[in-house]
C-alpha atoms as a PDB file:
ATOM      1  CA  UNK A   1     -16.205  -5.457  -5.886  1.00  0.00           C
ATOM      2  CA  UNK A   2     -14.119  -8.589  -5.569  1.00  0.00           C
ATOM      3  CA  UNK A   3     -12.642  -9.752  -2.263  1.00  0.00           C
ATOM      4  CA  UNK A   4      -9.736 -11.950  -1.273  1.00  0.00           C
ATOM      5  CA  UNK A   5      -8.048 -13.121   1.897  1.00  0.00           C
ATOM      6  CA  UNK A   6      -5.204 -11.103   3.361  1.00  0.00           C
ATOM      7  CA  UNK A   7      -2.368 -13.569   3.004  1.00  0.00           C
ATOM      8  CA  UNK A   8      -2.808 -16.713   5.079  1.00  0.00           C
ATOM      9  CA  UNK A   9      -5.364 -15.083   7.396  1.00  0.00           C
ATOM     10  CA  UNK A  10      -9.122 -15.474   7.420  1.00  0.00           C
ATOM     11  CA  UNK A  11      -9.552 -11.711   6.932  1.00  0.00           C
ATOM     12  CA  UNK A  12     -11.313 -10.745   3.695  1.00  0.00           C
ATOM     13  CA  UNK A  13     -10.342  -7.496   1.995  1.00  0.00           C
ATOM     14  CA  UNK A  14     -11.289  -5.738  -1.219  1.00  0.00           C
ATOM     15  CA  UNK A  15      -9.029  -6.073  -4.279  1.00  0.00           C
ATOM     16  CA  UNK A  16      -8.342  -2.331  -4.081  1.00  0.00           C
ATOM     17  CA  UNK A  17      -7.059  -0.500  -1.000  1.00  0.00           C
ATOM     18  CA  UNK A  18      -8.055   3.103  -0.353  1.00  0.00           C
ATOM     19  CA  UNK A  19      -4.855   4.991   0.386  1.00  0.00           C
ATOM     20  CA  UNK A  20      -5.297   8.218   2.328  1.00  0.00           C
ATOM     21  CA  UNK A  21      -1.906   9.901   1.909  1.00  0.00           C
ATOM     22  CA  UNK A  22      -3.410  12.806  -0.061  1.00  0.00           C
ATOM     23  CA  UNK A  23      -6.024  13.557   2.594  1.00  0.00           C
ATOM     24  CA  UNK A  24      -5.107  16.895   4.120  1.00  0.00           C
ATOM     25  CA  UNK A  25      -2.194  18.160   2.014  1.00  0.00           C
ATOM     26  CA  UNK A  26      -3.879  17.712  -1.394  1.00  0.00           C
ATOM     27  CA  UNK A  27      -7.513  16.896  -0.630  1.00  0.00           C
ATOM     28  CA  UNK A  28      -9.762  18.887   1.696  1.00  0.00           C
ATOM     29  CA  UNK A  29     -11.372  17.205   4.676  1.00  0.00           C
ATOM     30  CA  UNK A  30     -14.807  17.540   3.101  1.00  0.00           C
ATOM     31  CA  UNK A  31     -13.644  15.917  -0.128  1.00  0.00           C
ATOM     32  CA  UNK A  32     -11.718  13.257   1.807  1.00  0.00           C
ATOM     33  CA  UNK A  33     -14.879  12.289   3.669  1.00  0.00           C
ATOM     34  CA  UNK A  34     -16.801  12.133   0.387  1.00  0.00           C
ATOM     35  CA  UNK A  35     -14.140   9.850  -1.113  1.00  0.00           C
ATOM     36  CA  UNK A  36     -14.299   7.504   1.888  1.00  0.00           C
ATOM     37  CA  UNK A  37     -18.098   7.407   1.672  1.00  0.00           C
ATOM     38  CA  UNK A  38     -17.981   6.576  -2.029  1.00  0.00           C
ATOM     39  CA  UNK A  39     -15.201   4.010  -1.651  1.00  0.00           C
ATOM     40  CA  UNK A  40     -17.107   2.082   0.995  1.00  0.00           C
ATOM     41  CA  UNK A  41     -20.347   2.351  -0.944  1.00  0.00           C
ATOM     42  CA  UNK A  42     -18.516   0.863  -3.949  1.00  0.00           C
ATOM     43  CA  UNK A  43     -17.243  -2.040  -1.858  1.00  0.00           C
ATOM     44  CA  UNK A  44     -13.714  -0.963  -0.929  1.00  0.00           C
ATOM     45  CA  UNK A  45     -13.427  -2.112   2.680  1.00  0.00           C
ATOM     46  CA  UNK A  46      -9.639  -1.798   3.152  1.00  0.00           C
ATOM     47  CA  UNK A  47      -8.462   1.691   4.226  1.00  0.00           C
ATOM     48  CA  UNK A  48      -4.768   2.459   4.723  1.00  0.00           C
ATOM     49  CA  UNK A  49      -3.168   5.400   6.526  1.00  0.00           C
ATOM     50  CA  UNK A  50      -0.073   6.204   8.617  1.00  0.00           C
ATOM     51  CA  UNK A  51       0.788   8.382  11.598  1.00  0.00           C
ATOM     52  CA  UNK A  52       3.168  10.489   9.478  1.00  0.00           C
ATOM     53  CA  UNK A  53       0.654  11.282   6.715  1.00  0.00           C
ATOM     54  CA  UNK A  54      -0.242  14.936   6.482  1.00  0.00           C
ATOM     55  CA  UNK A  55       3.437  15.794   6.874  1.00  0.00           C
ATOM     56  CA  UNK A  56       2.923  18.062   9.897  1.00  0.00           C
ATOM     57  CA  UNK A  57       5.456  16.755  12.400  1.00  0.00           C
ATOM     58  CA  UNK A  58       3.768  14.973  15.270  1.00  0.00           C
ATOM     59  CA  UNK A  59       0.206  15.933  14.318  1.00  0.00           C
ATOM     60  CA  UNK A  60      -1.040  12.904  12.381  1.00  0.00           C
ATOM     61  CA  UNK A  61      -3.151  15.217  10.248  1.00  0.00           C
ATOM     62  CA  UNK A  62      -4.454  12.517   7.899  1.00  0.00           C
ATOM     63  CA  UNK A  63      -5.316  10.161  10.753  1.00  0.00           C
ATOM     64  CA  UNK A  64      -7.337  12.967  12.321  1.00  0.00           C
ATOM     65  CA  UNK A  65      -9.310  13.424   9.086  1.00  0.00           C
ATOM     66  CA  UNK A  66     -10.005   9.695   8.876  1.00  0.00           C
ATOM     67  CA  UNK A  67     -10.925   9.618  12.563  1.00  0.00           C
ATOM     68  CA  UNK A  68     -13.504  12.372  12.222  1.00  0.00           C
ATOM     69  CA  UNK A  69     -15.021  10.488   9.274  1.00  0.00           C
ATOM     70  CA  UNK A  70     -15.192   7.310  11.368  1.00  0.00           C
ATOM     71  CA  UNK A  71     -16.911   9.178  14.186  1.00  0.00           C
ATOM     72  CA  UNK A  72     -19.339  10.925  11.845  1.00  0.00           C
ATOM     73  CA  UNK A  73     -20.180   7.980   9.613  1.00  0.00           C
ATOM     74  CA  UNK A  74     -20.492   5.295  12.268  1.00  0.00           C
ATOM     75  CA  UNK A  75     -19.098   2.787   9.755  1.00  0.00           C
ATOM     76  CA  UNK A  76     -15.981   1.634  11.624  1.00  0.00           C
ATOM     77  CA  UNK A  77     -17.094  -1.999  11.710  1.00  0.00           C
ATOM     78  CA  UNK A  78     -17.478  -2.065   7.926  1.00  0.00           C
ATOM     79  CA  UNK A  79     -13.807  -1.430   7.162  1.00  0.00           C
ATOM     80  CA  UNK A  80     -10.438  -3.061   7.656  1.00  0.00           C
ATOM     81  CA  UNK A  81      -8.425  -0.177   9.085  1.00  0.00           C
ATOM     82  CA  UNK A  82      -4.642  -0.121   8.694  1.00  0.00           C
ATOM     83  CA  UNK A  83      -2.017   2.330   9.903  1.00  0.00           C
ATOM     84  CA  UNK A  84       1.768   2.409  10.220  1.00  0.00           C
ATOM     85  CA  UNK A  85       4.540   3.246  12.674  1.00  0.00           C
ATOM     86  CA  UNK A  86       8.228   4.127  12.243  1.00  0.00           C
ATOM     87  CA  UNK A  87       8.644   7.647  10.858  1.00  0.00           C
ATOM     88  CA  UNK A  88       9.684  10.563  13.109  1.00  0.00           C
ATOM     89  CA  UNK A  89       6.808  12.039  15.094  1.00  0.00           C
ATOM     90  CA  UNK A  90       8.967  14.493  17.032  1.00  0.00           C
ATOM     91  CA  UNK A  91      12.403  16.082  17.077  1.00  0.00           C
ATOM     92  CA  UNK A  92      13.967  14.377  20.092  1.00  0.00           C
ATOM     93  CA  UNK A  93      15.367  10.878  20.637  1.00  0.00           C
ATOM     94  CA  UNK A  94      12.953   7.938  20.778  1.00  0.00           C
ATOM     95  CA  UNK A  95      10.509   9.674  18.434  1.00  0.00           C
ATOM     96  CA  UNK A  96      11.005   7.270  15.516  1.00  0.00           C
ATOM     97  CA  UNK A  97      11.810   3.655  14.766  1.00  0.00           C
ATOM     98  CA  UNK A  98      10.393   0.382  16.041  1.00  0.00           C
ATOM     99  CA  UNK A  99      11.495   0.329  19.664  1.00  0.00           C
ATOM    100  CA  UNK A 100       8.969  -1.024  22.136  1.00  0.00           C
ATOM    101  CA  UNK A 101       8.688   2.448  23.622  1.00  0.00           C
ATOM    102  CA  UNK A 102       8.002   4.150  20.316  1.00  0.00           C
ATOM    103  CA  UNK A 103       5.492   1.518  19.194  1.00  0.00           C
ATOM    104  CA  UNK A 104       3.600   1.774  22.502  1.00  0.00           C
ATOM    105  CA  UNK A 105       3.562   5.566  22.366  1.00  0.00           C
ATOM    106  CA  UNK A 106       2.540   5.802  18.730  1.00  0.00           C
ATOM    107  CA  UNK A 107      -0.254   3.254  18.787  1.00  0.00           C
ATOM    108  CA  UNK A 108      -1.949   5.249  21.537  1.00  0.00           C
ATOM    109  CA  UNK A 109      -1.707   8.424  19.461  1.00  0.00           C
ATOM    110  CA  UNK A 110      -2.972   6.692  16.340  1.00  0.00           C
ATOM    111  CA  UNK A 111      -5.962   5.173  18.138  1.00  0.00           C
ATOM    112  CA  UNK A 112      -6.815   8.550  19.658  1.00  0.00           C
ATOM    113  CA  UNK A 113      -6.614  10.363  16.317  1.00  0.00           C
ATOM    114  CA  UNK A 114      -8.588   7.673  14.500  1.00  0.00           C
ATOM    115  CA  UNK A 115     -11.193   7.631  17.292  1.00  0.00           C
ATOM    116  CA  UNK A 116     -11.202   3.840  17.466  1.00  0.00           C
ATOM    117  CA  UNK A 117     -10.236   1.255  20.066  1.00  0.00           C
ATOM    118  CA  UNK A 118      -8.268  -1.001  17.718  1.00  0.00           C
ATOM    119  CA  UNK A 119      -6.431  -1.279  14.411  1.00  0.00           C
ATOM    120  CA  UNK A 120      -7.141  -4.222  12.164  1.00  0.00           C
ATOM    121  CA  UNK A 121      -3.625  -4.030  10.708  1.00  0.00           C
ATOM    122  CA  UNK A 122      -0.616  -2.249  12.244  1.00  0.00           C
ATOM    123  CA  UNK A 123       2.364  -2.049   9.910  1.00  0.00           C
ATOM    124  CA  UNK A 124       6.044  -1.343  10.443  1.00  0.00           C
ATOM    125  CA  UNK A 125       6.541   1.455   7.911  1.00  0.00           C
ATOM    126  CA  UNK A 126      10.228   0.541   7.439  1.00  0.00           C
ATOM    127  CA  UNK A 127      12.691  -1.928   8.902  1.00  0.00           C
ATOM    128  CA  UNK A 128      14.570  -0.683  11.989  1.00  0.00           C
ATOM    129  CA  UNK A 129      18.139  -1.978  11.909  1.00  0.00           C
ATOM    130  CA  UNK A 130      18.743  -0.862  15.500  1.00  0.00           C
ATOM    131  CA  UNK A 131      15.851  -2.726  17.137  1.00  0.00           C
ATOM    132  CA  UNK A 132      16.061  -6.501  17.664  1.00  0.00           C
ATOM    133  CA  UNK A 133      13.199  -8.545  16.301  1.00  0.00           C
ATOM    134  CA  UNK A 134      12.522  -9.907  19.771  1.00  0.00           C
ATOM    135  CA  UNK A 135      11.836  -6.400  21.024  1.00  0.00           C
ATOM    136  CA  UNK A 136       9.629  -5.589  18.038  1.00  0.00           C
ATOM    137  CA  UNK A 137       7.560  -8.732  18.526  1.00  0.00           C
ATOM    138  CA  UNK A 138       7.300  -8.294  22.270  1.00  0.00           C
ATOM    139  CA  UNK A 139       5.740  -4.885  21.691  1.00  0.00           C
ATOM    140  CA  UNK A 140       3.428  -6.034  18.895  1.00  0.00           C
ATOM    141  CA  UNK A 141       2.355  -9.231  20.672  1.00  0.00           C
ATOM    142  CA  UNK A 142       1.449  -7.148  23.716  1.00  0.00           C
ATOM    143  CA  UNK A 143      -0.782  -4.918  21.578  1.00  0.00           C
ATOM    144  CA  UNK A 144      -2.440  -7.985  20.067  1.00  0.00           C
ATOM    145  CA  UNK A 145      -3.024  -9.444  23.544  1.00  0.00           C
ATOM    146  CA  UNK A 146      -4.552  -6.135  24.636  1.00  0.00           C
ATOM    147  CA  UNK A 147      -6.893  -6.121  21.622  1.00  0.00           C
ATOM    148  CA  UNK A 148      -5.494  -2.844  20.306  1.00  0.00           C
ATOM    149  CA  UNK A 149      -4.073  -4.521  17.188  1.00  0.00           C
ATOM    150  CA  UNK A 150      -5.449  -7.583  15.400  1.00  0.00           C
ATOM    151  CA  UNK A 151      -2.798  -8.243  12.745  1.00  0.00           C
ATOM    152  CA  UNK A 152       0.781  -7.067  12.182  1.00  0.00           C
ATOM    153  CA  UNK A 153       2.231  -6.189   8.786  1.00  0.00           C
ATOM    154  CA  UNK A 154       5.327  -4.664   7.265  1.00  0.00           C
ATOM    155  CA  UNK A 155       6.140  -2.079   4.632  1.00  0.00           C
ATOM    156  CA  UNK A 156       9.268  -1.501   2.551  1.00  0.00           C
ATOM    157  CA  UNK A 157      10.924  -4.659   3.893  1.00  0.00           C
ATOM    158  CA  UNK A 158      13.464  -6.616   1.876  1.00  0.00           C
ATOM    159  CA  UNK A 159      12.883 -10.329   1.381  1.00  0.00           C
ATOM    160  CA  UNK A 160      15.546 -11.003   4.007  1.00  0.00           C
ATOM    161  CA  UNK A 161      13.734  -8.793   6.503  1.00  0.00           C
ATOM    162  CA  UNK A 162      10.490 -10.688   5.898  1.00  0.00           C
ATOM    163  CA  UNK A 163      12.344 -13.943   6.574  1.00  0.00           C
ATOM    164  CA  UNK A 164      14.009 -12.582   9.731  1.00  0.00           C
ATOM    165  CA  UNK A 165      10.796 -11.141  11.150  1.00  0.00           C
ATOM    166  CA  UNK A 166       8.780 -14.240  10.313  1.00  0.00           C
ATOM    167  CA  UNK A 167      11.282 -16.654  11.818  1.00  0.00           C
ATOM    168  CA  UNK A 168      11.537 -14.540  14.981  1.00  0.00           C
ATOM    169  CA  UNK A 169       7.747 -14.680  15.336  1.00  0.00           C
ATOM    170  CA  UNK A 170       7.789 -18.422  14.728  1.00  0.00           C
ATOM    171  CA  UNK A 171      10.210 -18.862  17.618  1.00  0.00           C
ATOM    172  CA  UNK A 172       7.718 -16.992  19.809  1.00  0.00           C
ATOM    173  CA  UNK A 173       4.875 -19.168  18.450  1.00  0.00           C
ATOM    174  CA  UNK A 174       2.885 -16.137  17.353  1.00  0.00           C
ATOM    175  CA  UNK A 175       1.183 -15.354  14.058  1.00  0.00           C
ATOM    176  CA  UNK A 176       3.865 -12.960  12.830  1.00  0.00           C
ATOM    177  CA  UNK A 177       3.640 -10.800   9.727  1.00  0.00           C
ATOM    178  CA  UNK A 178       0.518 -11.190   7.604  1.00  0.00           C
ATOM    179  CA  UNK A 179       1.230  -8.580   4.909  1.00  0.00           C
ATOM    180  CA  UNK A 180       3.924  -6.577   3.155  1.00  0.00           C
ATOM    181  CA  UNK A 181       3.264  -3.187   1.553  1.00  0.00           C
ATOM    182  CA  UNK A 182       5.822  -2.494  -1.169  1.00  0.00           C
ATOM    183  CA  UNK A 183       6.664  -0.451  -4.262  1.00  0.00           C
ATOM    184  CA  UNK A 184       5.532  -2.527  -7.231  1.00  0.00           C
ATOM    185  CA  UNK A 185       4.152  -1.715 -10.653  1.00  0.00           C
ATOM    186  CA  UNK A 186       4.696  -2.477 -14.332  1.00  0.00           C
ATOM    187  CA  UNK A 187       7.584  -0.021 -14.613  1.00  0.00           C
ATOM    188  CA  UNK A 188       9.282  -0.902 -11.290  1.00  0.00           C
ATOM    189  CA  UNK A 189       9.364  -4.678 -10.873  1.00  0.00           C
ATOM    190  CA  UNK A 190      12.387  -5.244  -8.619  1.00  0.00           C
ATOM    191  CA  UNK A 191      10.065  -6.611  -5.934  1.00  0.00           C
ATOM    192  CA  UNK A 192       9.802  -9.728  -8.091  1.00  0.00           C
ATOM    193  CA  UNK A 193      13.418 -10.618  -7.307  1.00  0.00           C
ATOM    194  CA  UNK A 194      12.982 -11.567  -3.663  1.00  0.00           C
ATOM    195  CA  UNK A 195      10.305  -9.573  -1.824  1.00  0.00           C
ATOM    196  CA  UNK A 196       7.288 -10.982  -3.637  1.00  0.00           C
ATOM    197  CA  UNK A 197       8.610 -14.578  -3.538  1.00  0.00           C
ATOM    198  CA  UNK A 198       9.326 -14.208   0.203  1.00  0.00           C
ATOM    199  CA  UNK A 199       5.844 -12.824   0.829  1.00  0.00           C
ATOM    200  CA  UNK A 200       4.269 -15.711  -1.058  1.00  0.00           C
ATOM    201  CA  UNK A 201       6.398 -18.304   0.725  1.00  0.00           C
ATOM    202  CA  UNK A 202       5.615 -16.966   4.201  1.00  0.00           C
ATOM    203  CA  UNK A 203       1.942 -16.466   3.445  1.00  0.00           C
ATOM    204  CA  UNK A 204       1.917 -12.662   3.505  1.00  0.00           C
ATOM    205  CA  UNK A 205      -0.605 -10.604   1.625  1.00  0.00           C
ATOM    206  CA  UNK A 206       1.177  -8.319  -0.832  1.00  0.00           C
ATOM    207  CA  UNK A 207      -0.025  -4.718  -1.104  1.00  0.00           C
ATOM    208  CA  UNK A 208       1.618  -2.675  -3.891  1.00  0.00           C
ATOM    209  CA  UNK A 209       2.021   1.060  -3.301  1.00  0.00           C
ATOM    210  CA  UNK A 210       2.544   3.539  -6.144  1.00  0.00           C
ATOM    211  CA  UNK A 211       0.792   1.128  -8.527  1.00  0.00           C
ATOM    212  CA  UNK A 212       0.976   3.685 -11.342  1.00  0.00           C
ATOM    213  CA  UNK A 213       4.550   4.729 -10.500  1.00  0.00           C
ATOM    214  CA  UNK A 214       3.665   8.263  -9.511  1.00  0.00           C
ATOM    215  CA  UNK A 215       1.458   8.766 -12.572  1.00  0.00           C
ATOM    216  CA  UNK A 216       3.896   7.351 -15.143  1.00  0.00           C
ATOM    217  CA  UNK A 217       1.441   4.575 -15.994  1.00  0.00           C
ATOM    218  CA  UNK A 218      -1.652   6.764 -15.736  1.00  0.00           C
ATOM    219  CA  UNK A 219      -1.684   8.281 -19.213  1.00  0.00           C
ATOM    220  CA  UNK A 220       1.050  10.793 -18.484  1.00  0.00           C
ATOM    221  CA  UNK A 221       1.861  11.571 -22.114  1.00  0.00           C
ATOM    222  CA  UNK A 222      -1.703  12.752 -22.629  1.00  0.00           C
ATOM    223  CA  UNK A 223      -1.324  14.992 -19.595  1.00  0.00           C
ATOM    224  CA  UNK A 224       2.016  16.263 -20.883  1.00  0.00           C
ATOM    225  CA  UNK A 225       0.365  17.332 -24.093  1.00  0.00           C
ATOM    226  CA  UNK A 226      -2.038  19.305 -21.911  1.00  0.00           C
ATOM    227  CA  UNK A 227       0.959  20.805 -20.074  1.00  0.00           C
ATOM    228  CA  UNK A 228       0.150  18.899 -16.908  1.00  0.00           C
ATOM    229  CA  UNK A 229       3.267  16.734 -16.551  1.00  0.00           C
ATOM    230  CA  UNK A 230       3.347  16.586 -12.744  1.00  0.00           C
ATOM    231  CA  UNK A 231       6.272  17.000 -10.391  1.00  0.00           C
ATOM    232  CA  UNK A 232       9.987  17.160 -11.179  1.00  0.00           C
ATOM    233  CA  UNK A 233      10.320  13.605  -9.839  1.00  0.00           C
ATOM    234  CA  UNK A 234       7.623  12.402 -12.213  1.00  0.00           C
ATOM    235  CA  UNK A 235       9.305  14.182 -15.123  1.00  0.00           C
ATOM    236  CA  UNK A 236      12.641  12.535 -14.275  1.00  0.00           C
ATOM    237  CA  UNK A 237      11.045   9.095 -14.072  1.00  0.00           C
ATOM    238  CA  UNK A 238       9.297   9.649 -17.390  1.00  0.00           C
ATOM    239  CA  UNK A 239      12.532  10.673 -19.101  1.00  0.00           C
ATOM    240  CA  UNK A 240      14.089   7.330 -18.125  1.00  0.00           C
ATOM    241  CA  UNK A 241      11.290   5.206 -19.613  1.00  0.00           C
ATOM    242  CA  UNK A 242       9.646   7.481 -22.160  1.00  0.00           C
ATOM    243  CA  UNK A 243       9.987   5.072 -25.106  1.00  0.00           C
ATOM    244  CA  UNK A 244       8.326   2.292 -23.087  1.00  0.00           C
ATOM    245  CA  UNK A 245       5.560   4.577 -21.887  1.00  0.00           C
ATOM    246  CA  UNK A 246       4.851   5.628 -25.477  1.00  0.00           C
ATOM    247  CA  UNK A 247       4.538   1.965 -26.457  1.00  0.00           C
ATOM    248  CA  UNK A 248       2.412   1.292 -23.378  1.00  0.00           C
ATOM    249  CA  UNK A 249      -0.076   4.075 -23.999  1.00  0.00           C
ATOM    250  CA  UNK A 250      -0.324   3.089 -27.646  1.00  0.00           C
ATOM    251  CA  UNK A 251      -1.071  -0.518 -26.656  1.00  0.00           C
ATOM    252  CA  UNK A 252      -3.693   0.601 -24.133  1.00  0.00           C
ATOM    253  CA  UNK A 253      -5.412   2.527 -26.912  1.00  0.00           C
ATOM    254  CA  UNK A 254      -5.226  -0.601 -29.072  1.00  0.00           C
ATOM    255  CA  UNK A 255      -7.009  -2.774 -26.486  1.00  0.00           C
ATOM    256  CA  UNK A 256      -9.462  -0.008 -25.598  1.00  0.00           C
ATOM    257  CA  UNK A 257      -8.629   0.666 -21.949  1.00  0.00           C
ATOM    258  CA  UNK A 258      -7.267   3.685 -20.095  1.00  0.00           C
ATOM    259  CA  UNK A 259      -3.572   3.277 -19.118  1.00  0.00           C
ATOM    260  CA  UNK A 260      -4.381   3.701 -15.405  1.00  0.00           C
ATOM    261  CA  UNK A 261      -6.927   0.880 -15.549  1.00  0.00           C
ATOM    262  CA  UNK A 262      -4.480  -1.389 -17.362  1.00  0.00           C
ATOM    263  CA  UNK A 263      -1.693  -0.674 -14.872  1.00  0.00           C
ATOM    264  CA  UNK A 264      -3.918  -1.563 -11.930  1.00  0.00           C
ATOM    265  CA  UNK A 265      -5.411  -4.562 -13.721  1.00  0.00           C
ATOM    266  CA  UNK A 266      -1.929  -5.921 -14.470  1.00  0.00           C
ATOM    267  CA  UNK A 267      -1.178  -5.919 -10.730  1.00  0.00           C
ATOM    268  CA  UNK A 268      -4.452  -7.707 -10.010  1.00  0.00           C
ATOM    269  CA  UNK A 269      -3.338 -10.464 -12.403  1.00  0.00           C
ATOM    270  CA  UNK A 270      -0.004 -11.065 -10.627  1.00  0.00           C
ATOM    271  CA  UNK A 271       0.412 -14.127  -8.430  1.00  0.00           C
ATOM    272  CA  UNK A 272       0.561 -13.186  -4.760  1.00  0.00           C
ATOM    273  CA  UNK A 273      -0.794  -9.634  -5.101  1.00  0.00           C
ATOM    274  CA  UNK A 274      -3.632  -8.981  -2.667  1.00  0.00           C
ATOM    275  CA  UNK A 275      -4.675  -5.450  -3.562  1.00  0.00           C
ATOM    276  CA  UNK A 276      -2.905  -2.356  -4.897  1.00  0.00           C
ATOM    277  CA  UNK A 277      -3.270   0.911  -3.018  1.00  0.00           C
ATOM    278  CA  UNK A 278      -5.056   3.680  -4.883  1.00  0.00           C
ATOM    279  CA  UNK A 279      -4.618   7.168  -3.492  1.00  0.00           C
ATOM    280  CA  UNK A 280      -7.290   9.342  -5.099  1.00  0.00           C
ATOM    281  CA  UNK A 281      -7.249  13.094  -4.692  1.00  0.00           C
ATOM    282  CA  UNK A 282     -10.765  13.411  -6.104  1.00  0.00           C
ATOM    283  CA  UNK A 283     -13.914  11.326  -6.543  1.00  0.00           C
ATOM    284  CA  UNK A 284     -13.152  11.205 -10.256  1.00  0.00           C
ATOM    285  CA  UNK A 285      -9.776   9.598  -9.560  1.00  0.00           C
ATOM    286  CA  UNK A 286     -11.484   6.989  -7.390  1.00  0.00           C
ATOM    287  CA  UNK A 287     -14.009   6.123 -10.100  1.00  0.00           C
ATOM    288  CA  UNK A 288     -11.213   5.760 -12.671  1.00  0.00           C
ATOM    289  CA  UNK A 289      -9.420   3.332 -10.363  1.00  0.00           C
ATOM    290  CA  UNK A 290     -12.533   1.204  -9.935  1.00  0.00           C
ATOM    291  CA  UNK A 291     -12.710   0.580 -13.684  1.00  0.00           C
ATOM    292  CA  UNK A 292      -9.576  -1.589 -13.338  1.00  0.00           C
ATOM    293  CA  UNK A 293     -11.734  -4.291 -11.767  1.00  0.00           C
ATOM    294  CA  UNK A 294     -13.531  -4.684 -15.097  1.00  0.00           C
ATOM    295  CA  UNK A 295     -10.371  -5.127 -17.193  1.00  0.00           C
ATOM    296  CA  UNK A 296      -9.569  -8.725 -18.111  1.00  0.00           C
ATOM    297  CA  UNK A 297      -6.076  -9.374 -19.441  1.00  0.00           C
ATOM    298  CA  UNK A 298      -5.471 -12.644 -21.266  1.00  0.00           C
ATOM    299  CA  UNK A 299      -2.133 -14.302 -21.931  1.00  0.00           C
ATOM    300  CA  UNK A 300      -1.585 -12.291 -25.108  1.00  0.00           C
ATOM    301  CA  UNK A 301      -2.135  -8.995 -23.306  1.00  0.00           C
ATOM    302  CA  UNK A 302       0.044  -9.982 -20.348  1.00  0.00           C
ATOM    303  CA  UNK A 303       2.832 -11.181 -22.678  1.00  0.00           C
ATOM    304  CA  UNK A 304       2.733  -7.891 -24.602  1.00  0.00           C
ATOM    305  CA  UNK A 305       2.930  -5.870 -21.365  1.00  0.00           C
ATOM    306  CA  UNK A 306       5.908  -7.995 -20.312  1.00  0.00           C
ATOM    307  CA  UNK A 307       7.587  -7.131 -23.608  1.00  0.00           C
ATOM    308  CA  UNK A 308       7.065  -3.412 -23.017  1.00  0.00           C
ATOM    309  CA  UNK A 309       8.104  -3.517 -19.342  1.00  0.00           C
ATOM    310  CA  UNK A 310      10.169  -6.690 -18.864  1.00  0.00           C
ATOM    311  CA  UNK A 311      10.612  -8.028 -15.363  1.00  0.00           C
ATOM    312  CA  UNK A 312      13.860  -9.332 -13.827  1.00  0.00           C
ATOM    313  CA  UNK A 313      13.245 -12.947 -14.832  1.00  0.00           C
ATOM    314  CA  UNK A 314      12.464 -16.058 -12.798  1.00  0.00           C
ATOM    315  CA  UNK A 315      12.860 -15.295  -9.106  1.00  0.00           C
ATOM    316  CA  UNK A 316      14.262 -15.549  -6.520  1.00  0.00           C
ATOM    317  CA  UNK A 317      16.969 -17.239  -8.612  1.00  0.00           C
ATOM    318  CA  UNK A 318      17.089 -14.476 -11.255  1.00  0.00           C
ATOM    319  CA  UNK A 319      20.692 -13.576 -10.459  1.00  0.00           C
ATOM    320  CA  UNK A 320      21.777 -16.747  -8.673  1.00  0.00           C
ATOM    321  CA  UNK A 321      22.808 -18.615 -11.840  1.00  0.00           C
END
């Protein structure tokens, strides 16, 4: 396993993040625990979850599964543990967003479910246009002072939001955001316009989610031939880029690597990317993801992938002149 620093911090994290979103709905608790054991044994020390995962309103089902693994394994100190806050956790008012009240309430629930006394990284799952940055930072800085949170990150922020949040923290003379978790992959590169440049400029680690674009970059045409084409959303995405995916899979065969490994490896070669999130449903999926660390892409390979899936151009000035 290779390690890098999370943005401008002194915190070292693995070049792959174990995403837990499938734990519960798609992966049994027993299998989820086995995946976490294997991931840590293979050197993945960065685990990501969220209070909403499990999709049972207010229950934090996935966090509970992770928490029971932490209690059983006794390996809490070996991992960098991240969770998120924003999504609705109830049906009434004040049950979502980034208000000081909601953040305070949700961090207590997350810590209880995870059976830990602190989070290494607490992330705003989305921007909250109704909560002032001063209120957000007051709540987060309090949690840091209490030792319940060590670092604060964001997810699904625009470049402008990263700038706003970072400048608000600077005025308070606090560390501010240290990471941004964002949709980014070979087939969906809009983050290159402003989000990735903003993250680099402000010293944020960049954590791509959906690194294989919901399976589009994971050898989907082979699965389609086996009548395993995935969800309706995946089918719609494939229809929009099918010609490129055909060229992509053909090129992966040419260079002798599985499409999923190439898609992850491409992200690992991008400037500013800390670690993509892999969300395995099985141990086999996890092992496939780990092979990406062995793929080396030279200039010729990277140029060819850019031809197949072109990005938006030099950024953040891509559309400024």
